[in-house]
Amino acid sequence: MSEEKFDAKVEKVSGSVKEGLGKVTGDKRTETEGKAEKASGSVKEKIADAKDTVKGAIDGLKNN
């Protein structure tokens, strides 16, 4: 797993925790920040996946 993907997963988990904390405490701002952080982590993870796919395809072409 690339460092970029790992960081994205950490951001997703952090966002989930923050969202849950906001729900439990009734703090809408924290809940919203958590949702945004989780969404940002998901986007970053998808970008990292796409980069890995492209890199794999390029490496595959180089080896042929």
N, C-alpha and C. Protein backbone atom coordinates (compact mmCIF):
# COMPACT_ATOMS: atom_id res chain seq x y z
N MET A 1 0.85 -1.17 0.00
CA MET A 1 0.00 0.00 0.00
C MET A 1 0.90 1.24 0.00
N SER A 2 0.57 2.15 -0.89
CA SER A 2 1.37 3.37 -0.98
C SER A 2 1.11 4.27 0.24
N GLU A 3 2.07 5.12 0.49
CA GLU A 3 1.93 6.06 1.61
C GLU A 3 0.73 6.98 1.39
N GLU A 4 0.52 7.35 0.14
CA GLU A 4 -0.60 8.22 -0.22
C GLU A 4 -1.94 7.56 0.13
N LYS A 5 -2.06 6.28 -0.20
CA LYS A 5 -3.30 5.55 0.09
C LYS A 5 -3.47 5.35 1.60
N PHE A 6 -2.38 5.05 2.27
CA PHE A 6 -2.43 4.89 3.73
C PHE A 6 -2.92 6.17 4.39
N ASP A 7 -2.35 7.31 3.98
CA ASP A 7 -2.76 8.60 4.54
C ASP A 7 -4.23 8.87 4.29
N ALA A 8 -4.72 8.50 3.11
CA ALA A 8 -6.13 8.69 2.78
C ALA A 8 -7.02 7.84 3.70
N LYS A 9 -6.60 6.61 3.95
CA LYS A 9 -7.37 5.73 4.84
C LYS A 9 -7.40 6.29 6.27
N VAL A 10 -6.26 6.81 6.72
CA VAL A 10 -6.20 7.42 8.05
C VAL A 10 -7.15 8.61 8.12
N GLU A 11 -7.18 9.41 7.05
CA GLU A 11 -8.08 10.57 7.02
C GLU A 11 -9.55 10.13 7.07
N LYS A 12 -9.87 9.05 6.35
CA LYS A 12 -11.24 8.53 6.38
C LYS A 12 -11.63 8.08 7.77
N VAL A 13 -10.75 7.34 8.42
CA VAL A 13 -11.04 6.84 9.77
C VAL A 13 -11.17 8.00 10.75
N SER A 14 -10.27 8.95 10.64
CA SER A 14 -10.32 10.13 11.51
C SER A 14 -11.63 10.88 11.32
N GLY A 15 -12.05 11.01 10.07
CA GLY A 15 -13.32 11.68 9.78
C GLY A 15 -14.50 10.92 10.36
N SER A 16 -14.46 9.60 10.27
CA SER A 16 -15.54 8.79 10.84
C SER A 16 -15.62 8.96 12.36
N VAL A 17 -14.46 8.98 12.99
CA VAL A 17 -14.43 9.16 14.45
C VAL A 17 -14.99 10.53 14.81
N LYS A 18 -14.54 11.55 14.09
CA LYS A 18 -15.00 12.91 14.37
C LYS A 18 -16.50 13.03 14.13
N GLU A 19 -16.99 12.42 13.06
CA GLU A 19 -18.42 12.44 12.77
C GLU A 19 -19.21 11.77 13.89
N GLY A 20 -18.73 10.61 14.33
CA GLY A 20 -19.39 9.89 15.41
C GLY A 20 -19.39 10.68 16.71
N LEU A 21 -18.27 11.31 17.00
CA LEU A 21 -18.18 12.13 18.21
C LEU A 21 -19.18 13.29 18.15
N GLY A 22 -19.26 13.89 16.96
CA GLY A 22 -20.22 14.99 16.79
C GLY A 22 -21.65 14.54 17.00
N LYS A 23 -21.98 13.34 16.49
CA LYS A 23 -23.33 12.80 16.66
C LYS A 23 -23.63 12.53 18.13
N VAL A 24 -22.67 11.92 18.82
CA VAL A 24 -22.87 11.56 20.23
C VAL A 24 -23.03 12.80 21.11
N THR A 25 -22.22 13.82 20.83
CA THR A 25 -22.26 15.03 21.66
C THR A 25 -23.29 16.05 21.18
N GLY A 26 -23.89 15.80 20.01
CA GLY A 26 -24.86 16.74 19.48
C GLY A 26 -24.21 17.97 18.86
N ASP A 27 -22.92 17.89 18.58
CA ASP A 27 -22.18 19.00 17.99
C ASP A 27 -22.22 18.87 16.47
N LYS A 28 -23.13 19.61 15.85
CA LYS A 28 -23.32 19.52 14.40
C LYS A 28 -22.07 19.95 13.63
N ARG A 29 -21.35 20.92 14.16
CA ARG A 29 -20.15 21.40 13.47
C ARG A 29 -19.09 20.29 13.38
N THR A 30 -18.84 19.62 14.50
CA THR A 30 -17.87 18.52 14.52
C THR A 30 -18.35 17.39 13.62
N GLU A 31 -19.63 17.10 13.66
CA GLU A 31 -20.19 16.05 12.81
C GLU A 31 -19.98 16.39 11.33
N THR A 32 -20.25 17.61 10.96
CA THR A 32 -20.09 18.05 9.58
C THR A 32 -18.62 18.02 9.15
N GLU A 33 -17.74 18.48 10.04
CA GLU A 33 -16.30 18.43 9.75
C GLU A 33 -15.85 16.99 9.53
N GLY A 34 -16.37 16.09 10.34
CA GLY A 34 -16.04 14.68 10.20
C GLY A 34 -16.50 14.10 8.87
N LYS A 35 -17.72 14.47 8.48
CA LYS A 35 -18.24 14.00 7.19
C LYS A 35 -17.37 14.51 6.05
N ALA A 36 -16.98 15.78 6.12
CA ALA A 36 -16.14 16.37 5.08
C ALA A 36 -14.77 15.70 5.03
N GLU A 37 -14.21 15.45 6.20
CA GLU A 37 -12.89 14.80 6.27
C GLU A 37 -12.96 13.38 5.71
N LYS A 38 -14.03 12.68 6.04
CA LYS A 38 -14.22 11.32 5.55
C LYS A 38 -14.37 11.32 4.02
N ALA A 39 -15.13 12.26 3.50
CA ALA A 39 -15.32 12.36 2.05
C ALA A 39 -14.00 12.70 1.35
N SER A 40 -13.24 13.60 1.95
CA SER A 40 -11.95 13.98 1.39
C SER A 40 -11.01 12.77 1.35
N GLY A 41 -11.01 12.00 2.41
CA GLY A 41 -10.18 10.79 2.44
C GLY A 41 -10.59 9.79 1.38
N SER A 42 -11.89 9.67 1.15
CA SER A 42 -12.39 8.76 0.11
C SER A 42 -11.92 9.19 -1.27
N VAL A 43 -12.00 10.48 -1.54
CA VAL A 43 -11.56 11.00 -2.83
C VAL A 43 -10.06 10.77 -3.01
N LYS A 44 -9.29 11.06 -1.97
CA LYS A 44 -7.84 10.87 -2.05
C LYS A 44 -7.50 9.39 -2.26
N GLU A 45 -8.27 8.51 -1.63
CA GLU A 45 -8.03 7.08 -1.79
C GLU A 45 -8.31 6.64 -3.23
N LYS A 46 -9.38 7.16 -3.82
CA LYS A 46 -9.71 6.82 -5.21
C LYS A 46 -8.63 7.34 -6.17
N ILE A 47 -8.10 8.52 -5.89
CA ILE A 47 -7.03 9.08 -6.71
C ILE A 47 -5.77 8.20 -6.60
N ALA A 48 -5.46 7.78 -5.39
CA ALA A 48 -4.30 6.90 -5.18
C ALA A 48 -4.49 5.58 -5.92
N ASP A 49 -5.71 5.04 -5.88
CA ASP A 49 -6.01 3.79 -6.61
C ASP A 49 -5.80 3.99 -8.11
N ALA A 50 -6.29 5.11 -8.63
CA ALA A 50 -6.14 5.39 -10.06
C ALA A 50 -4.66 5.51 -10.44
N LYS A 51 -3.89 6.19 -9.59
CA LYS A 51 -2.46 6.33 -9.86
C LYS A 51 -1.78 4.96 -9.86
N ASP A 52 -2.15 4.11 -8.90
CA ASP A 52 -1.56 2.77 -8.83
C ASP A 52 -1.93 1.96 -10.08
N THR A 53 -3.16 2.10 -10.56
CA THR A 53 -3.60 1.39 -11.75
C THR A 53 -2.81 1.83 -12.97
N VAL A 54 -2.66 3.14 -13.13
CA VAL A 54 -1.91 3.67 -14.26
C VAL A 54 -0.45 3.23 -14.17
N LYS A 55 0.13 3.31 -12.99
CA LYS A 55 1.53 2.90 -12.81
C LYS A 55 1.69 1.42 -13.15
N GLY A 56 0.74 0.61 -12.71
CA GLY A 56 0.78 -0.83 -13.02
C GLY A 56 0.69 -1.08 -14.51
N ALA A 57 -0.17 -0.34 -15.19
CA ALA A 57 -0.31 -0.50 -16.64
C ALA A 57 0.97 -0.09 -17.35
N ILE A 58 1.56 1.01 -16.93
CA ILE A 58 2.81 1.47 -17.54
C ILE A 58 3.93 0.47 -17.29
N ASP A 59 4.03 -0.01 -16.07
CA ASP A 59 5.05 -1.01 -15.74
C ASP A 59 4.84 -2.28 -16.57
N GLY A 60 3.59 -2.66 -16.78
CA GLY A 60 3.27 -3.84 -17.59
C GLY A 60 3.70 -3.67 -19.03
N LEU A 61 3.49 -2.47 -19.56
CA LEU A 61 3.91 -2.20 -20.94
C LEU A 61 5.42 -2.19 -21.08
N LYS A 62 6.10 -1.68 -20.07
CA LYS A 62 7.57 -1.63 -20.09
C LYS A 62 8.16 -3.04 -20.09
N ASN A 63 7.50 -3.97 -19.40
CA ASN A 63 8.02 -5.32 -19.27
C ASN A 63 7.74 -6.18 -20.50
N ASN A 64 6.92 -5.68 -21.42
CA ASN A 64 6.61 -6.46 -22.64
C ASN A 64 7.50 -6.12 -23.75
